[in-house]
């Protein structure tokens, strides 16, 4: 397309291919967005590998801004990390031992200070 664009006007080329002008420019803009997204995915992967997948999406978002100067929404980082299974593992909450009674010490001082 770029070769023919130098010789013929864009409208003539698009008529030959049967493509509308709006579709062509939308397709062209989408390609630029995908290239930018691929760059973000590579940098997220690099940060995750570097830190052994212990950081979550919020920390990775801050690191992208601090190290690479990229301002990316945390929801987008979350989506990318979820698609590629790079999310950190959530720690299980500690549960109390239900079957064992608590040991209460004897009150020897009886508040006699």
PDB file of N, CA and C in Angstrom:
ATOM      1  N   UNK A   1       0.825  -1.188   0.000  1.00  0.00           N
ATOM      2  CA  UNK A   1       0.000   0.000   0.000  1.00  0.00           C
ATOM      3  C   UNK A   1       0.870   1.252   0.000  1.00  0.00           C
ATOM      4  N   UNK A   2       1.935   1.226   0.798  1.00  0.00           N
ATOM      5  CA  UNK A   2       2.809   2.395   0.900  1.00  0.00           C
ATOM      6  C   UNK A   2       3.515   2.678  -0.433  1.00  0.00           C
ATOM      7  N   UNK A   3       3.815   1.622  -1.190  1.00  0.00           N
ATOM      8  CA  UNK A   3       4.481   1.804  -2.487  1.00  0.00           C
ATOM      9  C   UNK A   3       3.549   2.498  -3.482  1.00  0.00           C
ATOM     10  N   UNK A   4       2.291   2.046  -3.509  1.00  0.00           N
ATOM     11  CA  UNK A   4       1.320   2.617  -4.435  1.00  0.00           C
ATOM     12  C   UNK A   4       0.906   4.027  -4.024  1.00  0.00           C
ATOM     13  N   UNK A   5       1.012   4.327  -2.745  1.00  0.00           N
ATOM     14  CA  UNK A   5       0.602   5.626  -2.235  1.00  0.00           C
ATOM     15  C   UNK A   5       1.466   6.750  -2.806  1.00  0.00           C
ATOM     16  N   UNK A   6       2.705   6.433  -3.152  1.00  0.00           N
ATOM     17  CA  UNK A   6       3.604   7.438  -3.726  1.00  0.00           C
ATOM     18  C   UNK A   6       3.213   7.776  -5.165  1.00  0.00           C
ATOM     19  N   UNK A   7       2.633   6.799  -5.858  1.00  0.00           N
ATOM     20  CA  UNK A   7       2.299   6.986  -7.271  1.00  0.00           C
ATOM     21  C   UNK A   7       0.860   7.480  -7.455  1.00  0.00           C
ATOM     22  N   UNK A   8      -0.098   6.837  -6.754  1.00  0.00           N
ATOM     23  CA  UNK A   8      -1.517   7.135  -6.925  1.00  0.00           C
ATOM     24  C   UNK A   8      -2.101   7.732  -5.644  1.00  0.00           C
ATOM     25  N   UNK A   9      -3.198   8.464  -5.781  1.00  0.00           N
ATOM     26  CA  UNK A   9      -3.885   8.950  -4.573  1.00  0.00           C
ATOM     27  C   UNK A   9      -4.509   7.782  -3.793  1.00  0.00           C
ATOM     28  N   UNK A  10      -4.705   7.989  -2.514  1.00  0.00           N
ATOM     29  CA  UNK A  10      -5.232   6.929  -1.648  1.00  0.00           C
ATOM     30  C   UNK A  10      -6.633   6.515  -2.078  1.00  0.00           C
ATOM     31  N   UNK A  11      -7.457   7.470  -2.476  1.00  0.00           N
ATOM     32  CA  UNK A  11      -8.838   7.148  -2.860  1.00  0.00           C
ATOM     33  C   UNK A  11      -8.887   6.210  -4.071  1.00  0.00           C
ATOM     34  N   UNK A  12      -7.981   6.389  -5.034  1.00  0.00           N
ATOM     35  CA  UNK A  12      -7.946   5.521  -6.224  1.00  0.00           C
ATOM     36  C   UNK A  12      -7.540   4.104  -5.829  1.00  0.00           C
ATOM     37  N   UNK A  13      -6.554   3.991  -4.980  1.00  0.00           N
ATOM     38  CA  UNK A  13      -6.085   2.667  -4.543  1.00  0.00           C
ATOM     39  C   UNK A  13      -7.190   1.941  -3.780  1.00  0.00           C
ATOM     40  N   UNK A  14      -7.879   2.661  -2.907  1.00  0.00           N
ATOM     41  CA  UNK A  14      -8.932   2.036  -2.109  1.00  0.00           C
ATOM     42  C   UNK A  14     -10.116   1.621  -2.971  1.00  0.00           C
ATOM     43  N   UNK A  15     -10.412   2.384  -4.039  1.00  0.00           N
ATOM     44  CA  UNK A  15     -11.473   1.993  -4.966  1.00  0.00           C
ATOM     45  C   UNK A  15     -11.113   0.696  -5.684  1.00  0.00           C
ATOM     46  N   UNK A  16      -9.859   0.532  -6.042  1.00  0.00           N
ATOM     47  CA  UNK A  16      -9.418  -0.694  -6.725  1.00  0.00           C
ATOM     48  C   UNK A  16      -9.583  -1.919  -5.825  1.00  0.00           C
ATOM     49  N   UNK A  17      -9.294  -1.736  -4.536  1.00  0.00           N
ATOM     50  CA  UNK A  17      -9.401  -2.857  -3.594  1.00  0.00           C
ATOM     51  C   UNK A  17     -10.808  -3.017  -3.027  1.00  0.00           C
ATOM     52  N   UNK A  18     -11.657  -2.025  -3.247  1.00  0.00           N
ATOM     53  CA  UNK A  18     -13.025  -2.100  -2.734  1.00  0.00           C
ATOM     54  C   UNK A  18     -13.120  -1.866  -1.235  1.00  0.00           C
ATOM     55  N   UNK A  19     -12.239  -1.015  -0.726  1.00  0.00           N
ATOM     56  CA  UNK A  19     -12.211  -0.715   0.707  1.00  0.00           C
ATOM     57  C   UNK A  19     -12.587   0.747   0.901  1.00  0.00           C
ATOM     58  N   UNK A  20     -13.409   1.010   1.915  1.00  0.00           N
ATOM     59  CA  UNK A  20     -13.775   2.394   2.197  1.00  0.00           C
ATOM     60  C   UNK A  20     -12.625   3.097   2.909  1.00  0.00           C
ATOM     61  N   UNK A  21     -12.603   4.408   2.745  1.00  0.00           N
ATOM     62  CA  UNK A  21     -11.507   5.205   3.303  1.00  0.00           C
ATOM     63  C   UNK A  21     -11.490   5.135   4.837  1.00  0.00           C
ATOM     64  N   UNK A  22     -12.665   5.202   5.455  1.00  0.00           N
ATOM     65  CA  UNK A  22     -12.737   5.158   6.921  1.00  0.00           C
ATOM     66  C   UNK A  22     -12.218   3.819   7.457  1.00  0.00           C
ATOM     67  N   UNK A  23     -12.528   2.741   6.733  1.00  0.00           N
ATOM     68  CA  UNK A  23     -12.049   1.421   7.139  1.00  0.00           C
ATOM     69  C   UNK A  23     -10.535   1.351   7.058  1.00  0.00           C
ATOM     70  N   UNK A  24      -9.976   1.921   6.008  1.00  0.00           N
ATOM     71  CA  UNK A  24      -8.519   1.913   5.839  1.00  0.00           C
ATOM     72  C   UNK A  24      -7.837   2.646   6.979  1.00  0.00           C
ATOM     73  N   UNK A  25      -8.306   3.842   7.314  1.00  0.00           N
ATOM     74  CA  UNK A  25      -7.650   4.627   8.362  1.00  0.00           C
ATOM     75  C   UNK A  25      -7.874   4.012   9.751  1.00  0.00           C
ATOM     76  N   UNK A  26      -9.029   3.374   9.957  1.00  0.00           N
ATOM     77  CA  UNK A  26      -9.268   2.680  11.221  1.00  0.00           C
ATOM     78  C   UNK A  26      -8.307   1.499  11.353  1.00  0.00           C
ATOM     79  N   UNK A  27      -8.115   0.759  10.270  1.00  0.00           N
ATOM     80  CA  UNK A  27      -7.189  -0.371  10.264  1.00  0.00           C
ATOM     81  C   UNK A  27      -5.757   0.101  10.521  1.00  0.00           C
ATOM     82  N   UNK A  28      -5.415   1.226   9.925  1.00  0.00           N
ATOM     83  CA  UNK A  28      -4.068   1.772  10.090  1.00  0.00           C
ATOM     84  C   UNK A  28      -3.830   2.213  11.542  1.00  0.00           C
ATOM     85  N   UNK A  29      -4.824   2.863  12.152  1.00  0.00           N
ATOM     86  CA  UNK A  29      -4.696   3.317  13.543  1.00  0.00           C
ATOM     87  C   UNK A  29      -4.638   2.135  14.499  1.00  0.00           C
ATOM     88  N   UNK A  30      -5.374   1.081  14.191  1.00  0.00           N
ATOM     89  CA  UNK A  30      -5.372  -0.095  15.059  1.00  0.00           C
ATOM     90  C   UNK A  30      -4.003  -0.763  15.070  1.00  0.00           C
ATOM     91  N   UNK A  31      -3.328  -0.765  13.951  1.00  0.00           N
ATOM     92  CA  UNK A  31      -1.987  -1.348  13.889  1.00  0.00           C
ATOM     93  C   UNK A  31      -1.010  -0.627  14.798  1.00  0.00           C
ATOM     94  N   UNK A  32      -1.141   0.695  14.890  1.00  0.00           N
ATOM     95  CA  UNK A  32      -0.263   1.472  15.765  1.00  0.00           C
ATOM     96  C   UNK A  32      -0.541   1.158  17.228  1.00  0.00           C
ATOM     97  N   UNK A  33      -1.836   0.973  17.574  1.00  0.00           N
ATOM     98  CA  UNK A  33      -2.190   0.642  18.952  1.00  0.00           C
ATOM     99  C   UNK A  33      -1.642  -0.731  19.334  1.00  0.00           C
ATOM    100  N   UNK A  34      -1.717  -1.688  18.410  1.00  0.00           N
ATOM    101  CA  UNK A  34      -1.218  -3.028  18.695  1.00  0.00           C
ATOM    102  C   UNK A  34       0.291  -3.027  18.903  1.00  0.00           C
ATOM    103  N   UNK A  35       0.995  -2.194  18.146  1.00  0.00           N
ATOM    104  CA  UNK A  35       2.444  -2.102  18.330  1.00  0.00           C
ATOM    105  C   UNK A  35       2.778  -1.550  19.707  1.00  0.00           C
ATOM    106  N   UNK A  36       2.022  -0.538  20.141  1.00  0.00           N
ATOM    107  CA  UNK A  36       2.252   0.045  21.462  1.00  0.00           C
ATOM    108  C   UNK A  36       1.929  -0.974  22.552  1.00  0.00           C
ATOM    109  N   UNK A  37       0.846  -1.749  22.360  1.00  0.00           N
ATOM    110  CA  UNK A  37       0.463  -2.762  23.344  1.00  0.00           C
ATOM    111  C   UNK A  37       1.532  -3.844  23.437  1.00  0.00           C
ATOM    112  N   UNK A  38       2.088  -4.249  22.297  1.00  0.00           N
ATOM    113  CA  UNK A  38       3.147  -5.256  22.306  1.00  0.00           C
ATOM    114  C   UNK A  38       4.358  -4.769  23.082  1.00  0.00           C
ATOM    115  N   UNK A  39       4.668  -3.485  22.951  1.00  0.00           N
ATOM    116  CA  UNK A  39       5.790  -2.901  23.687  1.00  0.00           C
ATOM    117  C   UNK A  39       5.525  -2.955  25.197  1.00  0.00           C
ATOM    118  N   UNK A  40       4.289  -2.637  25.594  1.00  0.00           N
ATOM    119  CA  UNK A  40       3.928  -2.674  27.013  1.00  0.00           C
ATOM    120  C   UNK A  40       3.993  -4.107  27.538  1.00  0.00           C
ATOM    121  N   UNK A  41       3.511  -5.073  26.749  1.00  0.00           N
ATOM    122  CA  UNK A  41       3.535  -6.480  27.164  1.00  0.00           C
ATOM    123  C   UNK A  41       4.973  -6.948  27.376  1.00  0.00           C
ATOM    124  N   UNK A  42       5.868  -6.574  26.485  1.00  0.00           N
ATOM    125  CA  UNK A  42       7.274  -6.964  26.622  1.00  0.00           C
ATOM    126  C   UNK A  42       7.890  -6.387  27.892  1.00  0.00           C
ATOM    127  N   UNK A  43       7.579  -5.133  28.200  1.00  0.00           N
ATOM    128  CA  UNK A  43       8.152  -4.503  29.394  1.00  0.00           C
ATOM    129  C   UNK A  43       7.565  -5.095  30.669  1.00  0.00           C
ATOM    130  N   UNK A  44       6.282  -5.449  30.640  1.00  0.00           N
ATOM    131  CA  UNK A  44       5.669  -6.097  31.804  1.00  0.00           C
ATOM    132  C   UNK A  44       6.303  -7.463  32.025  1.00  0.00           C
ATOM    133  N   UNK A  45       6.496  -8.208  30.943  1.00  0.00           N
ATOM    134  CA  UNK A  45       7.124  -9.527  31.062  1.00  0.00           C
ATOM    135  C   UNK A  45       8.538  -9.404  31.619  1.00  0.00           C
ATOM    136  N   UNK A  46       9.268  -8.422  31.146  1.00  0.00           N
ATOM    137  CA  UNK A  46      10.635  -8.200  31.619  1.00  0.00           C
ATOM    138  C   UNK A  46      10.643  -7.910  33.123  1.00  0.00           C
ATOM    139  N   UNK A  47       9.738  -7.044  33.584  1.00  0.00           N
ATOM    140  CA  UNK A  47       9.672  -6.722  35.011  1.00  0.00           C
ATOM    141  C   UNK A  47       9.254  -7.933  35.844  1.00  0.00           C
ATOM    142  N   UNK A  48       8.300  -8.713  35.345  1.00  0.00           N
ATOM    143  CA  UNK A  48       7.853  -9.898  36.081  1.00  0.00           C
ATOM    144  C   UNK A  48       8.973 -10.927  36.200  1.00  0.00           C
ATOM    145  N   UNK A  49       9.699 -11.147  35.114  1.00  0.00           N
ATOM    146  CA  UNK A  49      10.809 -12.114  35.144  1.00  0.00           C
ATOM    147  C   UNK A  49      11.922 -11.626  36.064  1.00  0.00           C
ATOM    148  N   UNK A  50      12.181 -10.339  36.019  1.00  0.00           N
ATOM    149  CA  UNK A  50      13.255  -9.757  36.816  1.00  0.00           C
ATOM    150  C   UNK A  50      12.979  -9.900  38.317  1.00  0.00           C
ATOM    151  N   UNK A  51      11.697  -9.783  38.702  1.00  0.00           N
ATOM    152  CA  UNK A  51      11.331  -9.846  40.116  1.00  0.00           C
ATOM    153  C   UNK A  51      10.687 -11.182  40.490  1.00  0.00           C
ATOM    154  N   UNK A  52      10.832 -12.200  39.647  1.00  0.00           N
ATOM    155  CA  UNK A  52      10.396 -13.575  39.920  1.00  0.00           C
ATOM    156  C   UNK A  52       8.903 -13.680  40.243  1.00  0.00           C
ATOM    157  N   UNK A  53       8.087 -12.880  39.587  1.00  0.00           N
ATOM    158  CA  UNK A  53       6.624 -12.944  39.662  1.00  0.00           C
ATOM    159  C   UNK A  53       6.089 -12.741  41.081  1.00  0.00           C
ATOM    160  N   UNK A  54       6.801 -11.991  41.926  1.00  0.00           N
ATOM    161  CA  UNK A  54       6.305 -11.747  43.283  1.00  0.00           C
ATOM    162  C   UNK A  54       5.503 -10.454  43.369  1.00  0.00           C
ATOM    163  N   UNK A  55       5.587  -9.591  42.375  1.00  0.00           N
ATOM    164  CA  UNK A  55       4.871  -8.324  42.400  1.00  0.00           C
ATOM    165  C   UNK A  55       3.529  -8.459  41.707  1.00  0.00           C
ATOM    166  N   UNK A  56       2.537  -7.768  42.233  1.00  0.00           N
ATOM    167  CA  UNK A  56       1.213  -7.746  41.635  1.00  0.00           C
ATOM    168  C   UNK A  56       1.096  -6.658  40.582  1.00  0.00           C
ATOM    169  N   UNK A  57      -0.103  -6.508  40.057  1.00  0.00           N
ATOM    170  CA  UNK A  57      -0.301  -5.563  38.952  1.00  0.00           C
ATOM    171  C   UNK A  57      -0.141  -4.115  39.384  1.00  0.00           C
ATOM    172  N   UNK A  58      -0.456  -3.799  40.643  1.00  0.00           N
ATOM    173  CA  UNK A  58      -0.309  -2.413  41.095  1.00  0.00           C
ATOM    174  C   UNK A  58       1.163  -2.012  41.159  1.00  0.00           C
ATOM    175  N   UNK A  59       1.981  -2.892  41.704  1.00  0.00           N
ATOM    176  CA  UNK A  59       3.413  -2.600  41.809  1.00  0.00           C
ATOM    177  C   UNK A  59       4.054  -2.543  40.432  1.00  0.00           C
ATOM    178  N   UNK A  60       3.655  -3.444  39.541  1.00  0.00           N
ATOM    179  CA  UNK A  60       4.194  -3.449  38.178  1.00  0.00           C
ATOM    180  C   UNK A  60       3.818  -2.147  37.471  1.00  0.00           C
ATOM    181  N   UNK A  61       2.601  -1.643  37.711  1.00  0.00           N
ATOM    182  CA  UNK A  61       2.179  -0.374  37.110  1.00  0.00           C
ATOM    183  C   UNK A  61       3.078   0.765  37.576  1.00  0.00           C
ATOM    184  N   UNK A  62       3.378   0.784  38.879  1.00  0.00           N
ATOM    185  CA  UNK A  62       4.258   1.839  39.408  1.00  0.00           C
ATOM    186  C   UNK A  62       5.671   1.712  38.853  1.00  0.00           C
ATOM    187  N   UNK A  63       6.154   0.482  38.719  1.00  0.00           N
ATOM    188  CA  UNK A  63       7.500   0.271  38.170  1.00  0.00           C
ATOM    189  C   UNK A  63       7.576   0.698  36.706  1.00  0.00           C
ATOM    190  N   UNK A  64       6.515   0.453  35.941  1.00  0.00           N
ATOM    191  CA  UNK A  64       6.491   0.893  34.539  1.00  0.00           C
ATOM    192  C   UNK A  64       6.638   2.405  34.452  1.00  0.00           C
ATOM    193  N   UNK A  65       5.952   3.110  35.362  1.00  0.00           N
ATOM    194  CA  UNK A  65       6.026   4.570  35.349  1.00  0.00           C
ATOM    195  C   UNK A  65       7.391   5.048  35.826  1.00  0.00           C
ATOM    196  N   UNK A  66       7.919   4.413  36.876  1.00  0.00           N
ATOM    197  CA  UNK A  66       9.174   4.862  37.477  1.00  0.00           C
ATOM    198  C   UNK A  66      10.386   4.530  36.608  1.00  0.00           C
ATOM    199  N   UNK A  67      10.461   3.305  36.113  1.00  0.00           N
ATOM    200  CA  UNK A  67      11.646   2.855  35.372  1.00  0.00           C
ATOM    201  C   UNK A  67      11.582   3.244  33.901  1.00  0.00           C
ATOM    202  N   UNK A  68      10.453   2.938  33.251  1.00  0.00           N
ATOM    203  CA  UNK A  68      10.349   3.128  31.802  1.00  0.00           C
ATOM    204  C   UNK A  68       9.647   4.421  31.407  1.00  0.00           C
ATOM    205  N   UNK A  69       9.019   5.100  32.345  1.00  0.00           N
ATOM    206  CA  UNK A  69       8.317   6.340  32.026  1.00  0.00           C
ATOM    207  C   UNK A  69       7.011   6.122  31.281  1.00  0.00           C
ATOM    208  N   UNK A  70       6.447   4.916  31.356  1.00  0.00           N
ATOM    209  CA  UNK A  70       5.187   4.606  30.676  1.00  0.00           C
ATOM    210  C   UNK A  70       4.024   4.793  31.642  1.00  0.00           C
ATOM    211  N   UNK A  71       3.031   5.557  31.226  1.00  0.00           N
ATOM    212  CA  UNK A  71       1.837   5.722  32.035  1.00  0.00           C
ATOM    213  C   UNK A  71       0.768   4.805  31.447  1.00  0.00           C
ATOM    214  N   UNK A  72       0.507   3.710  32.166  1.00  0.00           N
ATOM    215  CA  UNK A  72      -0.451   2.708  31.723  1.00  0.00           C
ATOM    216  C   UNK A  72      -1.457   2.511  32.850  1.00  0.00           C
ATOM    217  N   UNK A  73      -2.729   2.390  32.496  1.00  0.00           N
ATOM    218  CA  UNK A  73      -3.769   2.169  33.488  1.00  0.00           C
ATOM    219  C   UNK A  73      -3.546   0.826  34.178  1.00  0.00           C
ATOM    220  N   UNK A  74      -3.803   0.782  35.487  1.00  0.00           N
ATOM    221  CA  UNK A  74      -3.558  -0.448  36.240  1.00  0.00           C
ATOM    222  C   UNK A  74      -4.494  -1.570  35.788  1.00  0.00           C
ATOM    223  N   UNK A  75      -5.696  -1.211  35.283  1.00  0.00           N
ATOM    224  CA  UNK A  75      -6.615  -2.242  34.794  1.00  0.00           C
ATOM    225  C   UNK A  75      -6.077  -2.908  33.530  1.00  0.00           C
ATOM    226  N   UNK A  76      -5.397  -2.141  32.706  1.00  0.00           N
ATOM    227  CA  UNK A  76      -4.795  -2.707  31.499  1.00  0.00           C
ATOM    228  C   UNK A  76      -3.649  -3.642  31.868  1.00  0.00           C
ATOM    229  N   UNK A  77      -2.835  -3.231  32.849  1.00  0.00           N
ATOM    230  CA  UNK A  77      -1.734  -4.082  33.317  1.00  0.00           C
ATOM    231  C   UNK A  77      -2.305  -5.363  33.911  1.00  0.00           C
ATOM    232  N   UNK A  78      -3.385  -5.245  34.684  1.00  0.00           N
ATOM    233  CA  UNK A  78      -4.031  -6.422  35.270  1.00  0.00           C
ATOM    234  C   UNK A  78      -4.512  -7.374  34.179  1.00  0.00           C
ATOM    235  N   UNK A  79      -5.155  -6.825  33.146  1.00  0.00           N
ATOM    236  CA  UNK A  79      -5.679  -7.642  32.049  1.00  0.00           C
ATOM    237  C   UNK A  79      -4.558  -8.379  31.330  1.00  0.00           C
ATOM    238  N   UNK A  80      -3.454  -7.678  31.054  1.00  0.00           N
ATOM    239  CA  UNK A  80      -2.320  -8.293  30.355  1.00  0.00           C
ATOM    240  C   UNK A  80      -1.702  -9.390  31.213  1.00  0.00           C
ATOM    241  N   UNK A  81      -1.527  -9.106  32.513  1.00  0.00           N
ATOM    242  CA  UNK A  81      -0.926 -10.100  33.402  1.00  0.00           C
ATOM    243  C   UNK A  81      -1.840 -11.312  33.578  1.00  0.00           C
ATOM    244  N   UNK A  82      -3.141 -11.091  33.588  1.00  0.00           N
ATOM    245  CA  UNK A  82      -4.088 -12.197  33.730  1.00  0.00           C
ATOM    246  C   UNK A  82      -4.089 -13.076  32.479  1.00  0.00           C
ATOM    247  N   UNK A  83      -4.045 -12.460  31.293  1.00  0.00           N
ATOM    248  CA  UNK A  83      -4.034 -13.220  30.036  1.00  0.00           C
ATOM    249  C   UNK A  83      -2.805 -14.114  29.938  1.00  0.00           C
ATOM    250  N   UNK A  84      -1.671 -13.639  30.457  1.00  0.00           N
ATOM    251  CA  UNK A  84      -0.419 -14.378  30.341  1.00  0.00           C
ATOM    252  C   UNK A  84      -0.059 -15.171  31.598  1.00  0.00           C
ATOM    253  N   UNK A  85      -0.964 -15.231  32.581  1.00  0.00           N
ATOM    254  CA  UNK A  85      -0.759 -15.956  33.849  1.00  0.00           C
ATOM    255  C   UNK A  85       0.476 -15.465  34.586  1.00  0.00           C
ATOM    256  N   UNK A  86       0.627 -14.154  34.692  1.00  0.00           N
ATOM    257  CA  UNK A  86       1.772 -13.561  35.385  1.00  0.00           C
ATOM    258  C   UNK A  86       1.383 -12.970  36.732  1.00  0.00           C
ATOM    259  N   UNK A  87       0.141 -13.130  37.157  1.00  0.00           N
ATOM    260  CA  UNK A  87      -0.287 -12.547  38.428  1.00  0.00           C
ATOM    261  C   UNK A  87       0.391 -13.272  39.585  1.00  0.00           C
ATOM    262  N   UNK A  88       0.678 -12.520  40.655  1.00  0.00           N
ATOM    263  CA  UNK A  88       1.308 -13.140  41.813  1.00  0.00           C
ATOM    264  C   UNK A  88       0.263 -13.960  42.561  1.00  0.00           C
ATOM    265  N   UNK A  89       0.738 -14.924  43.336  1.00  0.00           N
ATOM    266  CA  UNK A  89      -0.170 -15.761  44.101  1.00  0.00           C
ATOM    267  C   UNK A  89      -0.641 -15.014  45.339  1.00  0.00           C
ATOM    268  N   UNK A  90      -1.922 -15.108  45.612  1.00  0.00           N
ATOM    269  CA  UNK A  90      -2.464 -14.481  46.817  1.00  0.00           C
ATOM    270  C   UNK A  90      -2.155 -15.377  48.009  1.00  0.00           C
ATOM    271  N   UNK A  91      -1.687 -14.789  49.085  1.00  0.00           N
ATOM    272  CA  UNK A  91      -1.376 -15.565  50.282  1.00  0.00           C
ATOM    273  C   UNK A  91      -2.676 -15.968  50.970  1.00  0.00           C
ATOM    274  N   UNK A  92      -2.756 -17.207  51.433  1.00  0.00           N
ATOM    275  CA  UNK A  92      -3.969 -17.601  52.158  1.00  0.00           C
ATOM    276  C   UNK A  92      -4.024 -16.927  53.522  1.00  0.00           C
ATOM    277  N   UNK A  93      -5.228 -16.589  53.966  1.00  0.00           N
ATOM    278  CA  UNK A  93      -5.386 -15.941  55.259  1.00  0.00           C
ATOM    279  C   UNK A  93      -5.171 -16.957  56.374  1.00  0.00           C
ATOM    280  N   UNK A  94      -4.584 -16.502  57.464  1.00  0.00           N
ATOM    281  CA  UNK A  94      -4.331 -17.387  58.596  1.00  0.00           C
ATOM    282  C   UNK A  94      -5.642 -17.660  59.322  1.00  0.00           C
ATOM    283  N   UNK A  95      -5.889 -18.929  59.584  1.00  0.00           N
ATOM    284  CA  UNK A  95      -7.102 -19.331  60.283  1.00  0.00           C
ATOM    285  C   UNK A  95      -6.723 -19.763  61.698  1.00  0.00           C
ATOM    286  N   UNK A  96      -7.532 -19.425  62.683  1.00  0.00           N
ATOM    287  CA  UNK A  96      -7.220 -19.851  64.053  1.00  0.00           C
ATOM    288  C   UNK A  96      -7.455 -21.347  64.218  1.00  0.00           C
ATOM    289  N   UNK A  97      -6.706 -21.950  65.134  1.00  0.00           N
ATOM    290  CA  UNK A  97      -6.904 -23.364  65.442  1.00  0.00           C
ATOM    291  C   UNK A  97      -8.145 -23.483  66.318  1.00  0.00           C
ATOM    292  N   UNK A  98      -9.206 -24.038  65.788  1.00  0.00           N
ATOM    293  CA  UNK A  98     -10.491 -24.066  66.476  1.00  0.00           C
ATOM    294  C   UNK A  98     -10.510 -25.118  67.587  1.00  0.00           C
ATOM    295  N   UNK A  99      -9.869 -26.228  67.404  1.00  0.00           N
ATOM    296  CA  UNK A  99      -9.953 -27.333  68.357  1.00  0.00           C
ATOM    297  C   UNK A  99      -9.145 -27.140  69.626  1.00  0.00           C
ATOM    298  N   UNK A 100      -8.249 -26.181  69.708  1.00  0.00           N
ATOM    299  CA  UNK A 100      -7.376 -26.032  70.869  1.00  0.00           C
ATOM    300  C   UNK A 100      -7.795 -24.819  71.702  1.00  0.00           C
ATOM    301  N   UNK A 101      -7.961 -24.996  73.041  1.00  0.00           N
ATOM    302  CA  UNK A 101      -8.333 -23.857  73.886  1.00  0.00           C
ATOM    303  C   UNK A 101      -7.143 -22.936  74.111  1.00  0.00           C
ATOM    304  N   UNK A 102      -7.444 -21.690  74.392  1.00  0.00           N
ATOM    305  CA  UNK A 102      -6.386 -20.730  74.685  1.00  0.00           C
ATOM    306  C   UNK A 102      -5.955 -20.895  76.136  1.00  0.00           C
ATOM    307  N   UNK A 103      -4.670 -20.754  76.398  1.00  0.00           N
ATOM    308  CA  UNK A 103      -4.130 -20.889  77.740  1.00  0.00           C
ATOM    309  C   UNK A 103      -4.071 -19.509  78.375  1.00  0.00           C
ATOM    310  N   UNK A 104      -4.767 -19.332  79.492  1.00  0.00           N
ATOM    311  CA  UNK A 104      -4.791 -18.065  80.204  1.00  0.00           C
ATOM    312  C   UNK A 104      -3.887 -18.204  81.421  1.00  0.00           C
ATOM    313  N   UNK A 105      -2.943 -17.281  81.549  1.00  0.00           N
ATOM    314  CA  UNK A 105      -2.006 -17.355  82.679  1.00  0.00           C
ATOM    315  C   UNK A 105      -2.681 -16.900  83.970  1.00  0.00           C
ATOM    316  N   UNK A 106      -2.150 -17.389  85.049  1.00  0.00           N
ATOM    317  CA  UNK A 106      -2.687 -17.059  86.367  1.00  0.00           C
ATOM    318  C   UNK A 106      -2.314 -15.624  86.725  1.00  0.00           C
ATOM    319  N   UNK A 107      -3.239 -14.889  87.313  1.00  0.00           N
ATOM    320  CA  UNK A 107      -3.026 -13.499  87.686  1.00  0.00           C
ATOM    321  C   UNK A 107      -2.341 -13.461  89.054  1.00  0.00           C
ATOM    322  N   UNK A 108      -1.019 -13.402  89.051  1.00  0.00           N
ATOM    323  CA  UNK A 108      -0.264 -13.425  90.300  1.00  0.00           C
ATOM    324  C   UNK A 108      -0.097 -12.029  90.887  1.00  0.00           C
ATOM    325  N   UNK A 109      -0.102 -11.000  90.080  1.00  0.00           N
ATOM    326  CA  UNK A 109       0.112  -9.644  90.583  1.00  0.00           C
ATOM    327  C   UNK A 109      -1.154  -9.040  91.177  1.00  0.00           C
ATOM    328  N   UNK A 110      -2.282  -9.351  90.622  1.00  0.00           N
ATOM    329  CA  UNK A 110      -3.571  -8.809  91.023  1.00  0.00           C
ATOM    330  C   UNK A 110      -3.529  -7.293  91.116  1.00  0.00           C
ATOM    331  N   UNK A 111      -2.863  -6.689  90.176  1.00  0.00           N
ATOM    332  CA  UNK A 111      -2.715  -5.232  90.048  1.00  0.00           C
ATOM    333  C   UNK A 111      -2.154  -4.595  91.317  1.00  0.00           C
ATOM    334  N   UNK A 112      -1.293  -5.312  92.003  1.00  0.00           N
ATOM    335  CA  UNK A 112      -0.660  -4.813  93.225  1.00  0.00           C
ATOM    336  C   UNK A 112       0.750  -4.384  92.874  1.00  0.00           C
ATOM    337  N   UNK A 113       0.909  -3.132  92.444  1.00  0.00           N
ATOM    338  CA  UNK A 113       2.216  -2.651  91.994  1.00  0.00           C
ATOM    339  C   UNK A 113       2.912  -1.899  93.082  1.00  0.00           C
TER     340      UNK A 113
END
